[in-house]
Amino acid sequence: MKFKLIVIVTLFIFTLTSCDGHRTETGYIFIPGGIVDAGSNNGLSSEKPVKRHSVDSFYMSEHPITVGQFREFIESTNYLTEAEKFGNSGVFSFSRQHWHMQDGAYWEYPAGPSKEKAKDNHPVTQVSWNDAVAYATWKGERLPTEIEWEYAARNGDNSRNIYPWGNQIKIQGKYQANVWQGKFPFKNINEDGFLMTSPVKHFPKTSLGLYDMAGNVWEWTDSEYREGNSEPMKTIKGGSFLCEPDFCHGYRVSSRMGTSPETSLMHTGFRTAKN
């Protein structure tokens, strides 16, 4: 009996350990520490100059937090998001081709109460930075820093590729991320099949095992965005389904933008990290 118990415990420990000896956890990817040259000398002014950083090992959720995951948080805590408190949030109108404040838009109905309900396997949106931090705290986790996020997007090997998978948006004729195809904001020819968010894990994962590190939704980080702005802003990374090369090209690894921490938008979500 004692021998059987030892075997069971040994097998349990083995299942929690990856082949390289690192502890693995369902839903998270281990990012081994290293060096990253963050930014790009060929990008926007906000991406220059390239700076070298040392990154400690950490875990990152394998995909953006989903609507279903966020619902568990809401039902457990009765948390009220800032979009719900304000009564409106930012929505892009495809017909009018511009952003506006939409009454009644929030995480469950990101385009407004008269539009489609968010699907549980899609990234949650219409969450502010403050909302994202509240979720992460509830989970006993945190938001990744901007440098951690970019290091993970560069696959932990300091790749200088434009995208997490290489230098072309398509591989063998197939899009590798949910982005705008066409001329923004006039026409989205929708070659990838998604006008708005796509299910997590729909597009190929990176070599590290992460999904949606480009496109789908911008993702909050825990880093300040300081580019001449007078109000406090937080850095978002990764681009979204509204990004196209001539307009923002935000799904490049080095791309970054800043948004005020109370802002909620229909193309912004987050993922979590932990040590």
Protein backbone atom coordinates (compact mmCIF):
# COMPACT_ATOMS: atom_id res chain seq x y z
CA MET A 1 0.00 0.00 0.00
CA LYS A 2 2.84 2.37 0.91
CA PHE A 3 4.61 1.54 -2.37
CA LYS A 4 1.45 2.30 -4.37
CA LEU A 5 1.07 5.66 -2.63
CA ILE A 6 4.65 6.63 -3.47
CA VAL A 7 4.07 5.71 -7.13
CA ILE A 8 0.87 7.76 -7.28
CA VAL A 9 2.55 10.82 -5.74
CA THR A 10 5.52 10.45 -8.10
CA LEU A 11 3.24 10.27 -11.13
CA PHE A 12 1.31 13.32 -9.90
CA ILE A 13 4.50 15.34 -9.57
CA PHE A 14 5.65 14.20 -13.00
CA THR A 15 2.42 15.40 -14.63
CA LEU A 16 3.04 18.86 -13.17
CA THR A 17 6.51 19.00 -14.64
CA SER A 18 7.43 19.60 -18.26
CA CYS A 19 10.18 17.79 -20.11
CA ASP A 20 12.68 20.55 -19.37
CA GLY A 21 12.03 20.29 -15.65
CA HIS A 22 9.76 23.34 -15.36
CA ARG A 23 6.45 23.15 -13.55
CA THR A 24 3.51 23.38 -15.95
CA GLU A 25 -0.05 24.41 -15.22
CA THR A 26 -3.14 24.01 -17.33
CA GLY A 27 -4.00 27.22 -19.12
CA TYR A 28 -0.58 28.82 -18.55
CA ILE A 29 2.68 28.83 -20.45
CA PHE A 30 6.04 28.95 -18.69
CA ILE A 31 8.19 31.76 -20.09
CA PRO A 32 11.86 31.13 -19.22
CA GLY A 33 13.84 34.23 -18.30
CA GLY A 34 16.26 35.91 -20.66
CA ILE A 35 17.10 39.05 -22.58
CA VAL A 36 14.83 41.06 -24.90
CA ASP A 37 15.59 44.02 -27.12
CA ALA A 38 12.19 45.70 -26.89
CA GLY A 39 10.99 48.16 -29.49
CA SER A 40 11.90 48.79 -33.11
CA ASN A 41 14.08 51.34 -34.89
CA ASN A 42 11.84 50.90 -37.94
CA GLY A 43 8.57 51.53 -36.14
CA LEU A 44 6.73 54.55 -34.80
CA SER A 45 8.41 57.09 -32.56
CA SER A 46 6.81 55.43 -29.53
CA GLU A 47 8.75 52.25 -30.34
CA LYS A 48 12.16 53.93 -30.53
CA PRO A 49 14.86 53.45 -29.50
CA VAL A 50 15.34 49.72 -29.02
CA LYS A 51 16.21 49.03 -25.39
CA ARG A 52 17.64 45.86 -23.87
CA HIS A 53 15.92 44.39 -20.81
CA SER A 54 16.46 41.38 -18.58
CA VAL A 55 13.33 39.35 -17.87
CA ASP A 56 12.83 36.88 -15.03
CA SER A 57 10.94 33.64 -15.63
CA PHE A 58 7.16 33.85 -15.28
CA TYR A 59 3.92 32.25 -16.39
CA MET A 60 1.46 33.78 -18.84
CA SER A 61 -2.10 32.69 -19.59
CA GLU A 62 -2.04 30.89 -22.92
CA HIS A 63 -4.77 33.07 -24.40
CA PRO A 64 -6.62 36.29 -23.55
CA ILE A 65 -9.11 35.96 -20.71
CA THR A 66 -12.39 34.83 -22.21
CA VAL A 67 -15.94 36.03 -21.68
CA GLY A 68 -16.66 32.77 -19.87
CA GLN A 69 -13.72 33.19 -17.52
CA PHE A 70 -14.68 36.77 -16.79
CA ARG A 71 -18.28 35.73 -16.11
CA GLU A 72 -17.05 33.40 -13.36
CA PHE A 73 -15.36 36.40 -11.74
CA ILE A 74 -18.50 38.54 -12.01
CA GLU A 75 -20.75 35.83 -10.59
CA SER A 76 -18.33 35.12 -7.74
CA THR A 77 -17.77 38.73 -6.67
CA ASN A 78 -20.75 40.74 -8.02
CA TYR A 79 -18.15 43.10 -9.44
CA LEU A 80 -19.47 46.00 -11.51
CA THR A 81 -17.24 47.02 -14.40
CA GLU A 82 -16.49 50.65 -15.12
CA ALA A 83 -18.45 50.52 -18.38
CA GLU A 84 -21.48 49.48 -16.36
CA LYS A 85 -20.88 52.26 -13.83
CA PHE A 86 -20.49 54.89 -16.54
CA GLY A 87 -23.41 53.55 -18.54
CA ASN A 88 -21.52 53.63 -21.84
CA SER A 89 -18.25 52.67 -23.50
CA GLY A 90 -16.33 52.91 -26.76
CA VAL A 91 -17.77 51.14 -29.81
CA PHE A 92 -16.66 51.26 -33.44
CA SER A 93 -19.52 51.60 -35.92
CA PHE A 94 -18.80 49.68 -39.12
CA SER A 95 -21.62 51.45 -40.94
CA ARG A 96 -20.66 54.96 -39.84
CA GLN A 97 -16.94 54.16 -39.89
CA HIS A 98 -16.02 55.88 -36.64
CA TRP A 99 -15.86 55.42 -32.88
CA HIS A 100 -18.62 56.61 -30.56
CA MET A 101 -19.76 56.20 -26.97
CA GLN A 102 -22.49 53.57 -26.96
CA ASP A 103 -25.02 53.56 -24.15
CA GLY A 104 -25.43 50.15 -22.54
CA ALA A 105 -22.31 48.60 -24.06
CA TYR A 106 -20.35 46.46 -21.58
CA TRP A 107 -18.47 43.15 -21.42
CA GLU A 108 -21.51 40.97 -22.13
CA TYR A 109 -22.81 43.13 -24.98
CA PRO A 110 -19.61 44.80 -26.25
CA ALA A 111 -21.28 46.53 -29.24
CA GLY A 112 -24.36 47.59 -27.30
CA PRO A 113 -27.56 45.98 -25.95
CA SER A 114 -29.16 45.74 -29.40
CA LYS A 115 -26.21 43.81 -30.84
CA GLU A 116 -24.97 40.25 -30.46
CA LYS A 117 -24.15 38.88 -27.04
CA ALA A 118 -20.48 38.06 -26.49
CA LYS A 119 -19.62 34.38 -26.84
CA ASP A 120 -18.01 32.58 -23.91
CA ASN A 121 -15.01 31.34 -25.92
CA HIS A 122 -14.12 34.81 -27.27
CA PRO A 123 -11.81 37.29 -25.50
CA VAL A 124 -13.63 39.49 -23.04
CA THR A 125 -13.67 43.16 -24.10
CA GLN A 126 -15.11 46.40 -22.74
CA VAL A 127 -12.93 45.94 -19.66
CA SER A 128 -10.86 48.80 -18.34
CA TRP A 129 -7.37 48.43 -16.91
CA ASN A 130 -8.93 48.72 -13.46
CA ASP A 131 -11.36 45.90 -14.31
CA ALA A 132 -8.49 43.74 -15.58
CA VAL A 133 -6.52 44.31 -12.37
CA ALA A 134 -9.59 43.42 -10.29
CA TYR A 135 -9.93 40.12 -12.16
CA ALA A 136 -6.22 39.34 -11.85
CA THR A 137 -6.28 40.10 -8.11
CA TRP A 138 -9.27 37.79 -7.66
CA LYS A 139 -7.27 35.05 -9.38
CA GLY A 140 -4.17 35.74 -7.27
CA GLU A 141 -2.35 36.83 -10.40
CA ARG A 142 -1.35 40.06 -12.11
CA LEU A 143 -1.10 41.73 -15.50
CA PRO A 144 2.14 41.18 -17.41
CA THR A 145 4.47 44.14 -17.76
CA GLU A 146 4.94 45.57 -21.23
CA ILE A 147 8.45 44.11 -21.40
CA GLU A 148 7.27 40.67 -20.29
CA TRP A 149 4.53 40.78 -22.89
CA GLU A 150 6.90 41.69 -25.73
CA TYR A 151 9.46 39.14 -24.57
CA ALA A 152 6.79 36.45 -24.68
CA ALA A 153 5.65 37.64 -28.12
CA ARG A 154 9.27 37.32 -29.28
CA ASN A 155 9.06 33.70 -28.10
CA GLY A 156 11.60 34.14 -25.33
CA ASP A 157 14.48 34.05 -27.81
CA ASN A 158 14.69 37.77 -28.62
CA SER A 159 13.55 37.18 -32.19
CA ARG A 160 13.58 40.27 -34.42
CA ASN A 161 10.62 39.03 -36.48
CA ILE A 162 7.86 41.53 -37.17
CA TYR A 163 5.18 39.14 -35.90
CA PRO A 164 5.32 36.33 -33.33
CA TRP A 165 5.38 33.76 -36.18
CA GLY A 166 7.63 35.50 -38.72
CA ASN A 167 7.67 38.42 -41.11
CA GLN A 168 4.61 37.79 -43.28
CA ILE A 169 1.02 38.18 -42.13
CA LYS A 170 0.09 35.06 -44.10
CA ILE A 171 1.69 31.63 -44.13
CA GLN A 172 0.82 29.48 -47.15
CA GLY A 173 -2.00 31.87 -47.94
CA LYS A 174 -3.59 31.73 -44.47
CA TYR A 175 -3.88 34.59 -41.99
CA GLN A 176 -2.12 33.92 -38.70
CA ALA A 177 -4.15 36.42 -36.69
CA ASN A 178 -7.52 38.16 -36.58
CA VAL A 179 -6.83 41.54 -38.18
CA TRP A 180 -8.54 43.96 -40.57
CA GLN A 181 -8.25 42.98 -44.23
CA GLY A 182 -8.86 45.89 -46.54
CA LYS A 183 -8.65 49.65 -46.15
CA PHE A 184 -9.55 50.85 -42.68
CA PRO A 185 -12.15 52.16 -41.94
CA PHE A 186 -13.84 51.93 -45.31
CA LYS A 187 -13.89 48.26 -46.19
CA ASN A 188 -13.12 45.01 -44.41
CA ILE A 189 -13.11 42.22 -46.97
CA ASN A 190 -13.09 39.82 -44.02
CA GLU A 191 -10.87 37.13 -45.51
CA ASP A 192 -10.23 35.55 -42.11
CA GLY A 193 -13.97 35.17 -41.46
CA PHE A 194 -14.22 37.47 -38.42
CA LEU A 195 -15.57 41.00 -38.48
CA MET A 196 -15.04 41.35 -34.73
CA THR A 197 -13.40 39.04 -32.17
CA SER A 198 -12.58 35.43 -32.95
CA PRO A 199 -12.59 32.44 -30.56
CA VAL A 200 -9.38 32.04 -28.60
CA LYS A 201 -7.17 29.26 -30.00
CA HIS A 202 -8.70 29.67 -33.46
CA PHE A 203 -5.47 30.91 -35.02
CA PRO A 204 -2.15 29.03 -34.67
CA LYS A 205 -0.22 29.25 -31.41
CA THR A 206 3.30 30.63 -31.19
CA SER A 207 6.35 28.43 -30.75
CA LEU A 208 6.05 29.06 -27.01
CA GLY A 209 2.43 27.88 -27.04
CA LEU A 210 0.66 31.25 -26.73
CA TYR A 211 -2.46 32.18 -28.69
CA ASP A 212 -3.57 35.59 -29.99
CA MET A 213 -0.30 37.38 -29.30
CA ALA A 214 -1.17 39.41 -32.41
CA GLY A 215 -4.59 40.68 -33.43
CA ASN A 216 -8.00 39.81 -32.01
CA VAL A 217 -7.84 42.26 -29.07
CA TRP A 218 -5.39 44.78 -27.69
CA GLU A 219 -4.19 43.64 -24.27
CA TRP A 220 -3.63 45.66 -21.13
CA THR A 221 -0.23 45.54 -19.47
CA ASP A 222 0.85 46.72 -16.04
CA SER A 223 3.19 49.38 -17.47
CA GLU A 224 2.83 53.13 -17.71
CA TYR A 225 2.68 54.70 -21.15
CA ARG A 226 4.73 57.91 -21.21
CA GLU A 227 4.80 59.57 -24.62
CA GLY A 228 4.14 63.23 -23.89
CA ASN A 229 0.67 62.57 -22.54
CA SER A 230 -0.53 64.69 -19.62
CA GLU A 231 -2.91 62.13 -18.10
CA PRO A 232 -1.95 58.74 -16.64
CA MET A 233 -2.07 56.02 -19.28
CA LYS A 234 -1.34 52.30 -19.42
CA THR A 235 0.36 50.47 -22.28
CA ILE A 236 -1.62 48.08 -24.45
CA LYS A 237 0.00 45.55 -26.76
CA GLY A 238 -0.88 43.17 -29.58
CA GLY A 239 -3.24 45.04 -31.88
CA SER A 240 -6.80 43.99 -32.65
CA PHE A 241 -9.31 42.98 -35.30
CA LEU A 242 -9.48 46.67 -36.27
CA CYS A 243 -5.77 47.01 -37.08
CA GLU A 244 -4.44 47.11 -40.65
CA PRO A 245 -0.93 48.04 -41.88
CA ASP A 246 -1.64 51.49 -43.32
CA PHE A 247 -3.60 52.65 -40.28
CA CYS A 248 -1.98 51.25 -37.13
CA HIS A 249 -0.34 47.87 -37.84
CA GLY A 250 -0.69 47.31 -34.11
CA TYR A 251 -0.26 43.57 -34.32
CA ARG A 252 3.49 43.92 -34.82
CA VAL A 253 5.45 42.65 -31.81
CA SER A 254 7.01 46.06 -31.13
CA SER A 255 3.80 48.08 -31.52
CA ARG A 256 2.43 49.81 -28.44
CA MET A 257 -0.28 52.28 -27.56
CA GLY A 258 -1.50 54.05 -24.44
CA THR A 259 -5.00 54.19 -22.99
CA SER A 260 -6.35 55.72 -19.79
CA PRO A 261 -6.92 53.09 -17.08
CA GLU A 262 -10.68 53.72 -16.81
CA THR A 263 -11.32 53.36 -20.56
CA SER A 264 -13.33 50.42 -21.91
CA LEU A 265 -13.35 49.59 -25.64
CA MET A 266 -14.85 46.86 -27.81
CA HIS A 267 -11.41 45.75 -29.07
CA THR A 268 -9.44 45.73 -25.80
CA GLY A 269 -9.02 42.83 -23.39
CA PHE A 270 -6.20 41.31 -21.35
CA ARG A 271 -4.35 38.21 -20.23
CA THR A 272 -2.78 37.48 -16.87
CA ALA A 273 0.67 36.52 -15.60
CA LYS A 274 2.12 35.07 -12.41
CA ASN A 275 5.52 34.21 -10.97
